[in-house]
Amino acid sequence: QVQFVESGGGLVQPGDSLTLSCAATGSRFSSDAMAWYRQATGKEREVVATITPGGKTGYRQVVQGRFTITRDNAKNTMSLEMTDLKPEDTAVYFCQGIGALYKNNPWGKGTPVTVWA
């Protein structure tokens, strides 16, 4: 199993920025694709951004150009820089691996982001 611990969330106003951090345990991190997910109240969890072991990234269309995902394989960490935040970005954000090996991998507690005017 890989354990993930998310941090960096908070209460911000529209247009503000936040950077979320994810710390992972285990040796698999550097060899697997990773993702940031979010879950708003009453909604299903959705993928926000993905990153391959080599650093190729992908984004949900609604965050394209505002969010940036990065990773540091040497430190087993991943970040999500979020700019121009909108109320619809309000959610609990999680990090997790991508692929069959992570199908039953535990989720961390997540870090909440609230954007309100």
PDB file of N, CA and C in Angstrom:
ATOM      1  N   GLN A   1       0.826  -1.196   0.000  1.00  0.00           N
ATOM      2  CA  GLN A   1       0.000   0.000   0.000  1.00  0.00           C
ATOM      3  C   GLN A   1       0.864   1.251   0.000  1.00  0.00           C
ATOM      4  N   VAL A   2       0.317   2.287  -0.603  1.00  0.00           N
ATOM      5  CA  VAL A   2       0.937   3.608  -0.551  1.00  0.00           C
ATOM      6  C   VAL A   2       0.019   4.504   0.266  1.00  0.00           C
ATOM      7  N   GLN A   3       0.578   5.182   1.218  1.00  0.00           N
ATOM      8  CA  GLN A   3      -0.209   6.110   2.020  1.00  0.00           C
ATOM      9  C   GLN A   3       0.016   7.534   1.541  1.00  0.00           C
ATOM     10  N   PHE A   4      -1.056   8.291   1.460  1.00  0.00           N
ATOM     11  CA  PHE A   4      -0.994   9.673   1.003  1.00  0.00           C
ATOM     12  C   PHE A   4      -1.482  10.607   2.105  1.00  0.00           C
ATOM     13  N   VAL A   5      -0.772  11.707   2.284  1.00  0.00           N
ATOM     14  CA  VAL A   5      -1.168  12.737   3.241  1.00  0.00           C
ATOM     15  C   VAL A   5      -1.209  14.071   2.507  1.00  0.00           C
ATOM     16  N   GLU A   6      -2.405  14.657   2.456  1.00  0.00           N
ATOM     17  CA  GLU A   6      -2.602  15.916   1.766  1.00  0.00           C
ATOM     18  C   GLU A   6      -2.583  17.081   2.761  1.00  0.00           C
ATOM     19  N   SER A   7      -2.141  18.234   2.295  1.00  0.00           N
ATOM     20  CA  SER A   7      -2.112  19.428   3.144  1.00  0.00           C
ATOM     21  C   SER A   7      -2.149  20.671   2.280  1.00  0.00           C
ATOM     22  N   GLY A   8      -2.387  21.807   2.922  1.00  0.00           N
ATOM     23  CA  GLY A   8      -2.301  23.082   2.230  1.00  0.00           C
ATOM     24  C   GLY A   8      -3.625  23.742   1.904  1.00  0.00           C
ATOM     25  N   GLY A   9      -4.732  23.079   2.195  1.00  0.00           N
ATOM     26  CA  GLY A   9      -6.017  23.678   1.901  1.00  0.00           C
ATOM     27  C   GLY A   9      -6.325  24.841   2.829  1.00  0.00           C
ATOM     28  N   GLY A  10      -7.425  25.531   2.520  1.00  0.00           N
ATOM     29  CA  GLY A  10      -7.794  26.658   3.363  1.00  0.00           C
ATOM     30  C   GLY A  10      -9.013  27.374   2.853  1.00  0.00           C
ATOM     31  N   LEU A  11      -9.295  28.501   3.493  1.00  0.00           N
ATOM     32  CA  LEU A  11     -10.428  29.354   3.148  1.00  0.00           C
ATOM     33  C   LEU A  11      -9.884  30.571   2.416  1.00  0.00           C
ATOM     34  N   VAL A  12     -10.303  30.754   1.182  1.00  0.00           N
ATOM     35  CA  VAL A  12      -9.790  31.855   0.372  1.00  0.00           C
ATOM     36  C   VAL A  12     -10.931  32.553  -0.348  1.00  0.00           C
ATOM     37  N   GLN A  13     -10.620  33.685  -0.926  1.00  0.00           N
ATOM     38  CA  GLN A  13     -11.606  34.432  -1.701  1.00  0.00           C
ATOM     39  C   GLN A  13     -11.426  34.165  -3.195  1.00  0.00           C
ATOM     40  N   PRO A  14     -12.444  34.403  -3.992  1.00  0.00           N
ATOM     41  CA  PRO A  14     -12.300  34.217  -5.448  1.00  0.00           C
ATOM     42  C   PRO A  14     -11.122  35.016  -5.986  1.00  0.00           C
ATOM     43  N   GLY A  15     -10.366  34.377  -6.875  1.00  0.00           N
ATOM     44  CA  GLY A  15      -9.194  35.022  -7.446  1.00  0.00           C
ATOM     45  C   GLY A  15      -7.911  34.741  -6.711  1.00  0.00           C
ATOM     46  N   ASP A  16      -8.012  34.225  -5.495  1.00  0.00           N
ATOM     47  CA  ASP A  16      -6.818  33.906  -4.712  1.00  0.00           C
ATOM     48  C   ASP A  16      -6.135  32.650  -5.228  1.00  0.00           C
ATOM     49  N   SER A  17      -4.966  32.377  -4.659  1.00  0.00           N
ATOM     50  CA  SER A  17      -4.190  31.192  -5.023  1.00  0.00           C
ATOM     51  C   SER A  17      -3.908  30.333  -3.793  1.00  0.00           C
ATOM     52  N   LEU A  18      -3.721  29.045  -4.022  1.00  0.00           N
ATOM     53  CA  LEU A  18      -3.328  28.098  -2.988  1.00  0.00           C
ATOM     54  C   LEU A  18      -2.452  27.031  -3.625  1.00  0.00           C
ATOM     55  N   THR A  19      -1.539  26.500  -2.844  1.00  0.00           N
ATOM     56  CA  THR A  19      -0.754  25.364  -3.313  1.00  0.00           C
ATOM     57  C   THR A  19      -0.956  24.203  -2.364  1.00  0.00           C
ATOM     58  N   LEU A  20      -1.453  23.106  -2.889  1.00  0.00           N
ATOM     59  CA  LEU A  20      -1.666  21.900  -2.102  1.00  0.00           C
ATOM     60  C   LEU A  20      -0.445  20.989  -2.212  1.00  0.00           C
ATOM     61  N   SER A  21      -0.203  20.243  -1.148  1.00  0.00           N
ATOM     62  CA  SER A  21       0.925  19.316  -1.132  1.00  0.00           C
ATOM     63  C   SER A  21       0.445  17.912  -0.811  1.00  0.00           C
ATOM     64  N   CYS A  22       1.163  16.949  -1.343  1.00  0.00           N
ATOM     65  CA  CYS A  22       0.846  15.541  -1.113  1.00  0.00           C
ATOM     66  C   CYS A  22       2.146  14.811  -0.806  1.00  0.00           C
ATOM     67  N   ALA A  23       2.172  14.118   0.313  1.00  0.00           N
ATOM     68  CA  ALA A  23       3.333  13.315   0.693  1.00  0.00           C
ATOM     69  C   ALA A  23       2.938  11.848   0.619  1.00  0.00           C
ATOM     70  N   ALA A  24       3.759  11.052  -0.043  1.00  0.00           N
ATOM     71  CA  ALA A  24       3.455   9.636  -0.228  1.00  0.00           C
ATOM     72  C   ALA A  24       4.522   8.761   0.397  1.00  0.00           C
ATOM     73  N   THR A  25       4.091   7.632   0.930  1.00  0.00           N
ATOM     74  CA  THR A  25       5.040   6.653   1.468  1.00  0.00           C
ATOM     75  C   THR A  25       5.220   5.535   0.458  1.00  0.00           C
ATOM     76  N   GLY A  26       6.308   4.790   0.594  1.00  0.00           N
ATOM     77  CA  GLY A  26       6.500   3.645  -0.275  1.00  0.00           C
ATOM     78  C   GLY A  26       7.356   3.944  -1.474  1.00  0.00           C
ATOM     79  N   SER A  27       7.873   2.887  -2.069  1.00  0.00           N
ATOM     80  CA  SER A  27       8.815   3.041  -3.169  1.00  0.00           C
ATOM     81  C   SER A  27       8.143   3.125  -4.530  1.00  0.00           C
ATOM     82  N   ARG A  28       6.836   2.944  -4.598  1.00  0.00           N
ATOM     83  CA  ARG A  28       6.149   2.924  -5.889  1.00  0.00           C
ATOM     84  C   ARG A  28       5.940   4.318  -6.473  1.00  0.00           C
ATOM     85  N   PHE A  29       5.977   5.313  -5.631  1.00  0.00           N
ATOM     86  CA  PHE A  29       5.574   6.659  -6.062  1.00  0.00           C
ATOM     87  C   PHE A  29       6.283   7.081  -7.336  1.00  0.00           C
ATOM     88  N   SER A  30       7.578   6.923  -7.374  1.00  0.00           N
ATOM     89  CA  SER A  30       8.351   7.451  -8.494  1.00  0.00           C
ATOM     90  C   SER A  30       8.080   6.727  -9.809  1.00  0.00           C
ATOM     91  N   SER A  31       7.486   5.555  -9.764  1.00  0.00           N
ATOM     92  CA  SER A  31       7.282   4.773 -10.976  1.00  0.00           C
ATOM     93  C   SER A  31       5.846   4.779 -11.474  1.00  0.00           C
ATOM     94  N   ASP A  32       4.965   5.427 -10.760  1.00  0.00           N
ATOM     95  CA  ASP A  32       3.543   5.391 -11.107  1.00  0.00           C
ATOM     96  C   ASP A  32       2.988   6.778 -11.425  1.00  0.00           C
ATOM     97  N   ALA A  33       1.979   6.790 -12.288  1.00  0.00           N
ATOM     98  CA  ALA A  33       1.255   8.027 -12.548  1.00  0.00           C
ATOM     99  C   ALA A  33       0.427   8.392 -11.325  1.00  0.00           C
ATOM    100  N   MET A  34       0.292   9.673 -11.095  1.00  0.00           N
ATOM    101  CA  MET A  34      -0.419  10.177  -9.925  1.00  0.00           C
ATOM    102  C   MET A  34      -1.472  11.189 -10.347  1.00  0.00           C
ATOM    103  N   ALA A  35      -2.379  11.451  -9.433  1.00  0.00           N
ATOM    104  CA  ALA A  35      -3.442  12.399  -9.740  1.00  0.00           C
ATOM    105  C   ALA A  35      -3.904  13.136  -8.504  1.00  0.00           C
ATOM    106  N   TRP A  36      -4.417  14.310  -8.732  1.00  0.00           N
ATOM    107  CA  TRP A  36      -5.192  15.044  -7.725  1.00  0.00           C
ATOM    108  C   TRP A  36      -6.664  14.860  -8.071  1.00  0.00           C
ATOM    109  N   TYR A  37      -7.454  14.598  -7.032  1.00  0.00           N
ATOM    110  CA  TYR A  37      -8.885  14.463  -7.171  1.00  0.00           C
ATOM    111  C   TYR A  37      -9.541  15.490  -6.255  1.00  0.00           C
ATOM    112  N   ARG A  38     -10.829  15.740  -6.459  1.00  0.00           N
ATOM    113  CA  ARG A  38     -11.577  16.564  -5.538  1.00  0.00           C
ATOM    114  C   ARG A  38     -12.998  16.040  -5.441  1.00  0.00           C
ATOM    115  N   GLN A  39     -13.577  16.304  -4.277  1.00  0.00           N
ATOM    116  CA  GLN A  39     -14.957  15.897  -4.053  1.00  0.00           C
ATOM    117  C   GLN A  39     -15.695  17.020  -3.356  1.00  0.00           C
ATOM    118  N   ALA A  40     -16.652  17.582  -4.028  1.00  0.00           N
ATOM    119  CA  ALA A  40     -17.508  18.612  -3.441  1.00  0.00           C
ATOM    120  C   ALA A  40     -18.652  17.945  -2.697  1.00  0.00           C
ATOM    121  N   THR A  41     -19.216  18.655  -1.771  1.00  0.00           N
ATOM    122  CA  THR A  41     -20.311  18.119  -0.971  1.00  0.00           C
ATOM    123  C   THR A  41     -21.455  17.676  -1.874  1.00  0.00           C
ATOM    124  N   GLY A  42     -21.873  16.429  -1.680  1.00  0.00           N
ATOM    125  CA  GLY A  42     -22.990  15.914  -2.448  1.00  0.00           C
ATOM    126  C   GLY A  42     -22.666  15.480  -3.853  1.00  0.00           C
ATOM    127  N   LYS A  43     -21.393  15.525  -4.219  1.00  0.00           N
ATOM    128  CA  LYS A  43     -20.988  15.144  -5.572  1.00  0.00           C
ATOM    129  C   LYS A  43     -19.980  14.006  -5.528  1.00  0.00           C
ATOM    130  N   GLU A  44     -19.784  13.355  -6.668  1.00  0.00           N
ATOM    131  CA  GLU A  44     -18.811  12.288  -6.749  1.00  0.00           C
ATOM    132  C   GLU A  44     -17.397  12.859  -6.865  1.00  0.00           C
ATOM    133  N   ARG A  45     -16.445  12.048  -6.451  1.00  0.00           N
ATOM    134  CA  ARG A  45     -15.044  12.449  -6.577  1.00  0.00           C
ATOM    135  C   ARG A  45     -14.660  12.501  -8.048  1.00  0.00           C
ATOM    136  N   GLU A  46     -13.897  13.521  -8.429  1.00  0.00           N
ATOM    137  CA  GLU A  46     -13.516  13.690  -9.826  1.00  0.00           C
ATOM    138  C   GLU A  46     -12.025  13.975  -9.940  1.00  0.00           C
ATOM    139  N   VAL A  47     -11.462  13.563 -11.067  1.00  0.00           N
ATOM    140  CA  VAL A  47     -10.054  13.832 -11.324  1.00  0.00           C
ATOM    141  C   VAL A  47      -9.876  15.298 -11.689  1.00  0.00           C
ATOM    142  N   VAL A  48      -8.858  15.920 -11.112  1.00  0.00           N
ATOM    143  CA  VAL A  48      -8.564  17.321 -11.398  1.00  0.00           C
ATOM    144  C   VAL A  48      -7.347  17.442 -12.305  1.00  0.00           C
ATOM    145  N   ALA A  49      -6.307  16.689 -11.972  1.00  0.00           N
ATOM    146  CA  ALA A  49      -5.064  16.771 -12.737  1.00  0.00           C
ATOM    147  C   ALA A  49      -4.291  15.469 -12.586  1.00  0.00           C
ATOM    148  N   THR A  50      -3.544  15.130 -13.627  1.00  0.00           N
ATOM    149  CA  THR A  50      -2.745  13.908 -13.604  1.00  0.00           C
ATOM    150  C   THR A  50      -1.306  14.215 -14.008  1.00  0.00           C
ATOM    151  N   ILE A  51      -0.396  13.328 -13.587  1.00  0.00           N
ATOM    152  CA  ILE A  51       1.006  13.509 -13.959  1.00  0.00           C
ATOM    153  C   ILE A  51       1.671  12.146 -14.064  1.00  0.00           C
ATOM    154  N   THR A  52       2.413  11.931 -15.140  1.00  0.00           N
ATOM    155  CA  THR A  52       3.112  10.666 -15.336  1.00  0.00           C
ATOM    156  C   THR A  52       4.419  10.678 -14.551  1.00  0.00           C
ATOM    157  N   PRO A  53       5.073   9.520 -14.434  1.00  0.00           N
ATOM    158  CA  PRO A  53       6.356   9.509 -13.730  1.00  0.00           C
ATOM    159  C   PRO A  53       7.359  10.471 -14.355  1.00  0.00           C
ATOM    160  N   GLY A  54       7.266  10.666 -15.666  1.00  0.00           N
ATOM    161  CA  GLY A  54       8.184  11.556 -16.344  1.00  0.00           C
ATOM    162  C   GLY A  54       7.769  13.006 -16.360  1.00  0.00           C
ATOM    163  N   GLY A  55       6.583  13.301 -15.818  1.00  0.00           N
ATOM    164  CA  GLY A  55       6.167  14.688 -15.696  1.00  0.00           C
ATOM    165  C   GLY A  55       5.162  15.180 -16.719  1.00  0.00           C
ATOM    166  N   LYS A  56       4.645  14.299 -17.559  1.00  0.00           N
ATOM    167  CA  LYS A  56       3.616  14.737 -18.504  1.00  0.00           C
ATOM    168  C   LYS A  56       2.315  14.937 -17.748  1.00  0.00           C
ATOM    169  N   THR A  57       1.667  16.071 -18.014  1.00  0.00           N
ATOM    170  CA  THR A  57       0.502  16.429 -17.216  1.00  0.00           C
ATOM    171  C   THR A  57      -0.784  16.441 -18.028  1.00  0.00           C
ATOM    172  N   GLY A  58      -1.901  16.328 -17.319  1.00  0.00           N
ATOM    173  CA  GLY A  58      -3.226  16.430 -17.913  1.00  0.00           C
ATOM    174  C   GLY A  58      -4.151  17.101 -16.925  1.00  0.00           C
ATOM    175  N   TYR A  59      -5.139  17.844 -17.432  1.00  0.00           N
ATOM    176  CA  TYR A  59      -6.014  18.623 -16.559  1.00  0.00           C
ATOM    177  C   TYR A  59      -7.477  18.497 -16.962  1.00  0.00           C
ATOM    178  N   ARG A  60      -8.320  18.590 -15.964  1.00  0.00           N
ATOM    179  CA  ARG A  60      -9.738  18.725 -16.213  1.00  0.00           C
ATOM    180  C   ARG A  60      -9.930  20.065 -16.901  1.00  0.00           C
ATOM    181  N   GLN A  61     -10.834  20.107 -17.861  1.00  0.00           N
ATOM    182  CA  GLN A  61     -10.956  21.303 -18.683  1.00  0.00           C
ATOM    183  C   GLN A  61     -11.246  22.548 -17.851  1.00  0.00           C
ATOM    184  N   VAL A  62     -12.034  22.422 -16.829  1.00  0.00           N
ATOM    185  CA  VAL A  62     -12.448  23.605 -16.055  1.00  0.00           C
ATOM    186  C   VAL A  62     -11.302  24.190 -15.226  1.00  0.00           C
ATOM    187  N   VAL A  63     -10.207  23.448 -15.073  1.00  0.00           N
ATOM    188  CA  VAL A  63      -9.071  23.982 -14.315  1.00  0.00           C
ATOM    189  C   VAL A  63      -7.866  24.252 -15.216  1.00  0.00           C
ATOM    190  N   GLN A  64      -7.975  23.864 -16.487  1.00  0.00           N
ATOM    191  CA  GLN A  64      -6.883  24.080 -17.436  1.00  0.00           C
ATOM    192  C   GLN A  64      -6.476  25.544 -17.456  1.00  0.00           C
ATOM    193  N   GLY A  65      -5.187  25.786 -17.330  1.00  0.00           N
ATOM    194  CA  GLY A  65      -4.687  27.151 -17.333  1.00  0.00           C
ATOM    195  C   GLY A  65      -4.683  27.822 -15.968  1.00  0.00           C
ATOM    196  N   ARG A  66      -5.355  27.231 -14.997  1.00  0.00           N
ATOM    197  CA  ARG A  66      -5.388  27.810 -13.638  1.00  0.00           C
ATOM    198  C   ARG A  66      -4.628  26.945 -12.640  1.00  0.00           C
ATOM    199  N   PHE A  67      -4.636  25.639 -12.842  1.00  0.00           N
ATOM    200  CA  PHE A  67      -3.986  24.701 -11.925  1.00  0.00           C
ATOM    201  C   PHE A  67      -2.745  24.120 -12.577  1.00  0.00           C
ATOM    202  N   THR A  68      -1.721  23.849 -11.754  1.00  0.00           N
ATOM    203  CA  THR A  68      -0.485  23.226 -12.233  1.00  0.00           C
ATOM    204  C   THR A  68      -0.084  22.107 -11.285  1.00  0.00           C
ATOM    205  N   ILE A  69       0.065  20.918 -11.828  1.00  0.00           N
ATOM    206  CA  ILE A  69       0.476  19.766 -11.039  1.00  0.00           C
ATOM    207  C   ILE A  69       1.956  19.498 -11.266  1.00  0.00           C
ATOM    208  N   THR A  70       2.667  19.238 -10.178  1.00  0.00           N
ATOM    209  CA  THR A  70       4.089  18.903 -10.263  1.00  0.00           C
ATOM    210  C   THR A  70       4.380  17.769  -9.293  1.00  0.00           C
ATOM    211  N   ARG A  71       5.539  17.145  -9.485  1.00  0.00           N
ATOM    212  CA  ARG A  71       5.934  16.074  -8.578  1.00  0.00           C
ATOM    213  C   ARG A  71       7.437  16.099  -8.390  1.00  0.00           C
ATOM    214  N   ASP A  72       7.873  15.579  -7.247  1.00  0.00           N
ATOM    215  CA  ASP A  72       9.290  15.431  -6.945  1.00  0.00           C
ATOM    216  C   ASP A  72       9.491  13.971  -6.573  1.00  0.00           C
ATOM    217  N   ASN A  73       9.962  13.191  -7.516  1.00  0.00           N
ATOM    218  CA  ASN A  73      10.092  11.753  -7.283  1.00  0.00           C
ATOM    219  C   ASN A  73      11.141  11.431  -6.214  1.00  0.00           C
ATOM    220  N   ALA A  74      12.115  12.269  -6.081  1.00  0.00           N
ATOM    221  CA  ALA A  74      13.154  12.030  -5.069  1.00  0.00           C
ATOM    222  C   ALA A  74      12.617  12.198  -3.653  1.00  0.00           C
ATOM    223  N   LYS A  75      11.612  13.048  -3.515  1.00  0.00           N
ATOM    224  CA  LYS A  75      11.041  13.326  -2.194  1.00  0.00           C
ATOM    225  C   LYS A  75       9.682  12.662  -1.994  1.00  0.00           C
ATOM    226  N   ASN A  76       9.210  11.916  -2.995  1.00  0.00           N
ATOM    227  CA  ASN A  76       7.871  11.295  -2.901  1.00  0.00           C
ATOM    228  C   ASN A  76       6.793  12.331  -2.594  1.00  0.00           C
ATOM    229  N   THR A  77       6.847  13.448  -3.274  1.00  0.00           N
ATOM    230  CA  THR A  77       5.858  14.487  -3.043  1.00  0.00           C
ATOM    231  C   THR A  77       5.256  14.961  -4.361  1.00  0.00           C
ATOM    232  N   MET A  78       4.095  15.558  -4.231  1.00  0.00           N
ATOM    233  CA  MET A  78       3.380  16.081  -5.384  1.00  0.00           C
ATOM    234  C   MET A  78       2.688  17.361  -4.945  1.00  0.00           C
ATOM    235  N   SER A  79       2.526  18.297  -5.843  1.00  0.00           N
ATOM    236  CA  SER A  79       1.882  19.560  -5.504  1.00  0.00           C
ATOM    237  C   SER A  79       0.825  19.911  -6.525  1.00  0.00           C
ATOM    238  N   LEU A  80      -0.095  20.757  -6.121  1.00  0.00           N
ATOM    239  CA  LEU A  80      -1.099  21.307  -7.028  1.00  0.00           C
ATOM    240  C   LEU A  80      -1.179  22.798  -6.756  1.00  0.00           C
ATOM    241  N   GLU A  81      -0.627  23.568  -7.668  1.00  0.00           N
ATOM    242  CA  GLU A  81      -0.708  25.021  -7.554  1.00  0.00           C
ATOM    243  C   GLU A  81      -2.008  25.468  -8.206  1.00  0.00           C
ATOM    244  N   MET A  82      -2.807  26.169  -7.437  1.00  0.00           N
ATOM    245  CA  MET A  82      -4.127  26.608  -7.911  1.00  0.00           C
ATOM    246  C   MET A  82      -4.170  28.124  -7.901  1.00  0.00           C
ATOM    247  N   THR A  83      -4.485  28.708  -9.023  1.00  0.00           N
ATOM    248  CA  THR A  83      -4.601  30.155  -9.130  1.00  0.00           C
ATOM    249  C   THR A  83      -6.001  30.529  -9.595  1.00  0.00           C
ATOM    250  N   ASP A  84      -6.343  31.804  -9.431  1.00  0.00           N
ATOM    251  CA  ASP A  84      -7.649  32.312  -9.865  1.00  0.00           C
ATOM    252  C   ASP A  84      -8.772  31.391  -9.392  1.00  0.00           C
ATOM    253  N   LEU A  85      -8.748  31.089  -8.127  1.00  0.00           N
ATOM    254  CA  LEU A  85      -9.736  30.147  -7.583  1.00  0.00           C
ATOM    255  C   LEU A  85     -11.154  30.701  -7.689  1.00  0.00           C
ATOM    256  N   LYS A  86     -12.084  29.785  -7.914  1.00  0.00           N
ATOM    257  CA  LYS A  86     -13.495  30.123  -8.086  1.00  0.00           C
ATOM    258  C   LYS A  86     -14.333  29.372  -7.047  1.00  0.00           C
ATOM    259  N   PRO A  87     -15.512  29.878  -6.722  1.00  0.00           N
ATOM    260  CA  PRO A  87     -16.348  29.166  -5.741  1.00  0.00           C
ATOM    261  C   PRO A  87     -16.585  27.713  -6.127  1.00  0.00           C
ATOM    262  N   GLU A  88     -16.666  27.428  -7.417  1.00  0.00           N
ATOM    263  CA  GLU A  88     -16.896  26.044  -7.852  1.00  0.00           C
ATOM    264  C   GLU A  88     -15.689  25.142  -7.645  1.00  0.00           C
ATOM    265  N   ASP A  89     -14.559  25.690  -7.237  1.00  0.00           N
ATOM    266  CA  ASP A  89     -13.395  24.873  -6.877  1.00  0.00           C
ATOM    267  C   ASP A  89     -13.478  24.366  -5.438  1.00  0.00           C
ATOM    268  N   THR A  90     -14.481  24.832  -4.709  1.00  0.00           N
ATOM    269  CA  THR A  90     -14.658  24.396  -3.330  1.00  0.00           C
ATOM    270  C   THR A  90     -14.877  22.887  -3.269  1.00  0.00           C
ATOM    271  N   ALA A  91     -14.036  22.207  -2.504  1.00  0.00           N
ATOM    272  CA  ALA A  91     -14.100  20.748  -2.410  1.00  0.00           C
ATOM    273  C   ALA A  91     -13.016  20.275  -1.449  1.00  0.00           C
ATOM    274  N   VAL A  92     -13.059  19.002  -1.141  1.00  0.00           N
ATOM    275  CA  VAL A  92     -11.941  18.354  -0.447  1.00  0.00           C
ATOM    276  C   VAL A  92     -11.056  17.734  -1.532  1.00  0.00           C
ATOM    277  N   TYR A  93      -9.772  18.014  -1.453  1.00  0.00           N
ATOM    278  CA  TYR A  93      -8.831  17.574  -2.477  1.00  0.00           C
ATOM    279  C   TYR A  93      -8.002  16.405  -1.951  1.00  0.00           C
ATOM    280  N   PHE A  94      -7.827  15.414  -2.815  1.00  0.00           N
ATOM    281  CA  PHE A  94      -7.105  14.188  -2.471  1.00  0.00           C
ATOM    282  C   PHE A  94      -6.039  13.895  -3.522  1.00  0.00           C
ATOM    283  N   CYS A  95      -5.004  13.183  -3.116  1.00  0.00           N
ATOM    284  CA  CYS A  95      -4.043  12.657  -4.086  1.00  0.00           C
ATOM    285  C   CYS A  95      -4.101  11.133  -4.042  1.00  0.00           C
ATOM    286  N   GLN A  96      -3.787  10.546  -5.171  1.00  0.00           N
ATOM    287  CA  GLN A  96      -3.880   9.077  -5.286  1.00  0.00           C
ATOM    288  C   GLN A  96      -3.142   8.637  -6.538  1.00  0.00           C
ATOM    289  N   GLY A  97      -2.706   7.391  -6.514  1.00  0.00           N
ATOM    290  CA  GLY A  97      -2.065   6.828  -7.688  1.00  0.00           C
ATOM    291  C   GLY A  97      -3.091   6.443  -8.739  1.00  0.00           C
ATOM    292  N   ILE A  98      -2.618   6.238  -9.943  1.00  0.00           N
ATOM    293  CA  ILE A  98      -3.470   5.852 -11.058  1.00  0.00           C
ATOM    294  C   ILE A  98      -3.095   4.447 -11.512  1.00  0.00           C
ATOM    295  N   GLY A  99      -4.086   3.628 -11.760  1.00  0.00           N
ATOM    296  CA  GLY A  99      -3.828   2.296 -12.283  1.00  0.00           C
ATOM    297  C   GLY A  99      -4.397   1.199 -11.404  1.00  0.00           C
ATOM    298  N   ALA A 100      -4.315  -0.029 -11.919  1.00  0.00           N
ATOM    299  CA  ALA A 100      -4.919  -1.169 -11.243  1.00  0.00           C
ATOM    300  C   ALA A 100      -4.354  -1.384  -9.840  1.00  0.00           C
ATOM    301  N   LEU A 101      -3.085  -1.084  -9.659  1.00  0.00           N
ATOM    302  CA  LEU A 101      -2.467  -1.297  -8.347  1.00  0.00           C
ATOM    303  C   LEU A 101      -3.059  -0.387  -7.280  1.00  0.00           C
ATOM    304  N   TYR A 102      -3.696   0.682  -7.689  1.00  0.00           N
ATOM    305  CA  TYR A 102      -4.260   1.628  -6.736  1.00  0.00           C
ATOM    306  C   TYR A 102      -5.776   1.483  -6.599  1.00  0.00           C
ATOM    307  N   LYS A 103      -6.350   0.482  -7.234  1.00  0.00           N
ATOM    308  CA  LYS A 103      -7.799   0.315  -7.215  1.00  0.00           C
ATOM    309  C   LYS A 103      -8.330   0.247  -5.793  1.00  0.00           C
ATOM    310  N   ASN A 104      -7.649  -0.464  -4.934  1.00  0.00           N
ATOM    311  CA  ASN A 104      -8.099  -0.606  -3.549  1.00  0.00           C
ATOM    312  C   ASN A 104      -7.170   0.098  -2.561  1.00  0.00           C
ATOM    313  N   ASN A 105      -6.322   0.977  -3.069  1.00  0.00           N
ATOM    314  CA  ASN A 105      -5.405   1.689  -2.172  1.00  0.00           C
ATOM    315  C   ASN A 105      -6.179   2.680  -1.308  1.00  0.00           C
ATOM    316  N   PRO A 106      -5.874   2.765  -0.047  1.00  0.00           N
ATOM    317  CA  PRO A 106      -6.631   3.675   0.829  1.00  0.00           C
ATOM    318  C   PRO A 106      -6.496   5.136   0.392  1.00  0.00           C
ATOM    319  N   TRP A 107      -7.554   5.885   0.638  1.00  0.00           N
ATOM    320  CA  TRP A 107      -7.524   7.319   0.407  1.00  0.00           C
ATOM    321  C   TRP A 107      -7.085   8.020   1.691  1.00  0.00           C
ATOM    322  N   GLY A 108      -6.384   9.134   1.529  1.00  0.00           N
ATOM    323  CA  GLY A 108      -6.041   9.947   2.681  1.00  0.00           C
ATOM    324  C   GLY A 108      -7.250  10.738   3.139  1.00  0.00           C
ATOM    325  N   LYS A 109      -7.038  11.596   4.108  1.00  0.00           N
ATOM    326  CA  LYS A 109      -8.140  12.390   4.651  1.00  0.00           C
ATOM    327  C   LYS A 109      -8.492  13.567   3.734  1.00  0.00           C
ATOM    328  N   GLY A 110      -7.583  13.900   2.856  1.00  0.00           N
ATOM    329  CA  GLY A 110      -7.826  15.034   1.979  1.00  0.00           C
ATOM    330  C   GLY A 110      -7.551  16.353   2.670  1.00  0.00           C
ATOM    331  N   THR A 111      -7.576  17.417   1.885  1.00  0.00           N
ATOM    332  CA  THR A 111      -7.406  18.756   2.446  1.00  0.00           C
ATOM    333  C   THR A 111      -8.502  19.634   1.859  1.00  0.00           C
ATOM    334  N   PRO A 112      -9.274  20.316   2.714  1.00  0.00           N
ATOM    335  CA  PRO A 112     -10.412  21.088   2.227  1.00  0.00           C
ATOM    336  C   PRO A 112     -10.014  22.454   1.679  1.00  0.00           C
ATOM    337  N   VAL A 113     -10.645  22.810   0.583  1.00  0.00           N
ATOM    338  CA  VAL A 113     -10.478  24.133  -0.020  1.00  0.00           C
ATOM    339  C   VAL A 113     -11.863  24.766  -0.120  1.00  0.00           C
ATOM    340  N   THR A 114     -11.985  25.947   0.459  1.00  0.00           N
ATOM    341  CA  THR A 114     -13.248  26.684   0.401  1.00  0.00           C
ATOM    342  C   THR A 114     -12.989  28.041  -0.219  1.00  0.00           C
ATOM    343  N   VAL A 115     -13.725  28.321  -1.285  1.00  0.00           N
ATOM    344  CA  VAL A 115     -13.592  29.599  -1.978  1.00  0.00           C
ATOM    345  C   VAL A 115     -14.927  30.333  -1.849  1.00  0.00           C
ATOM    346  N   TRP A 116     -14.902  31.455  -1.155  1.00  0.00           N
ATOM    347  CA  TRP A 116     -16.154  32.168  -0.944  1.00  0.00           C
ATOM    348  C   TRP A 116     -15.908  33.667  -0.958  1.00  0.00           C
ATOM    349  N   ALA A 117     -16.890  34.379  -1.376  1.00  0.00           N
ATOM    350  CA  ALA A 117     -16.775  35.838  -1.466  1.00  0.00           C
ATOM    351  C   ALA A 117     -17.248  36.478  -0.185  1.00  0.00           C
TER     352      ALA A 117
END
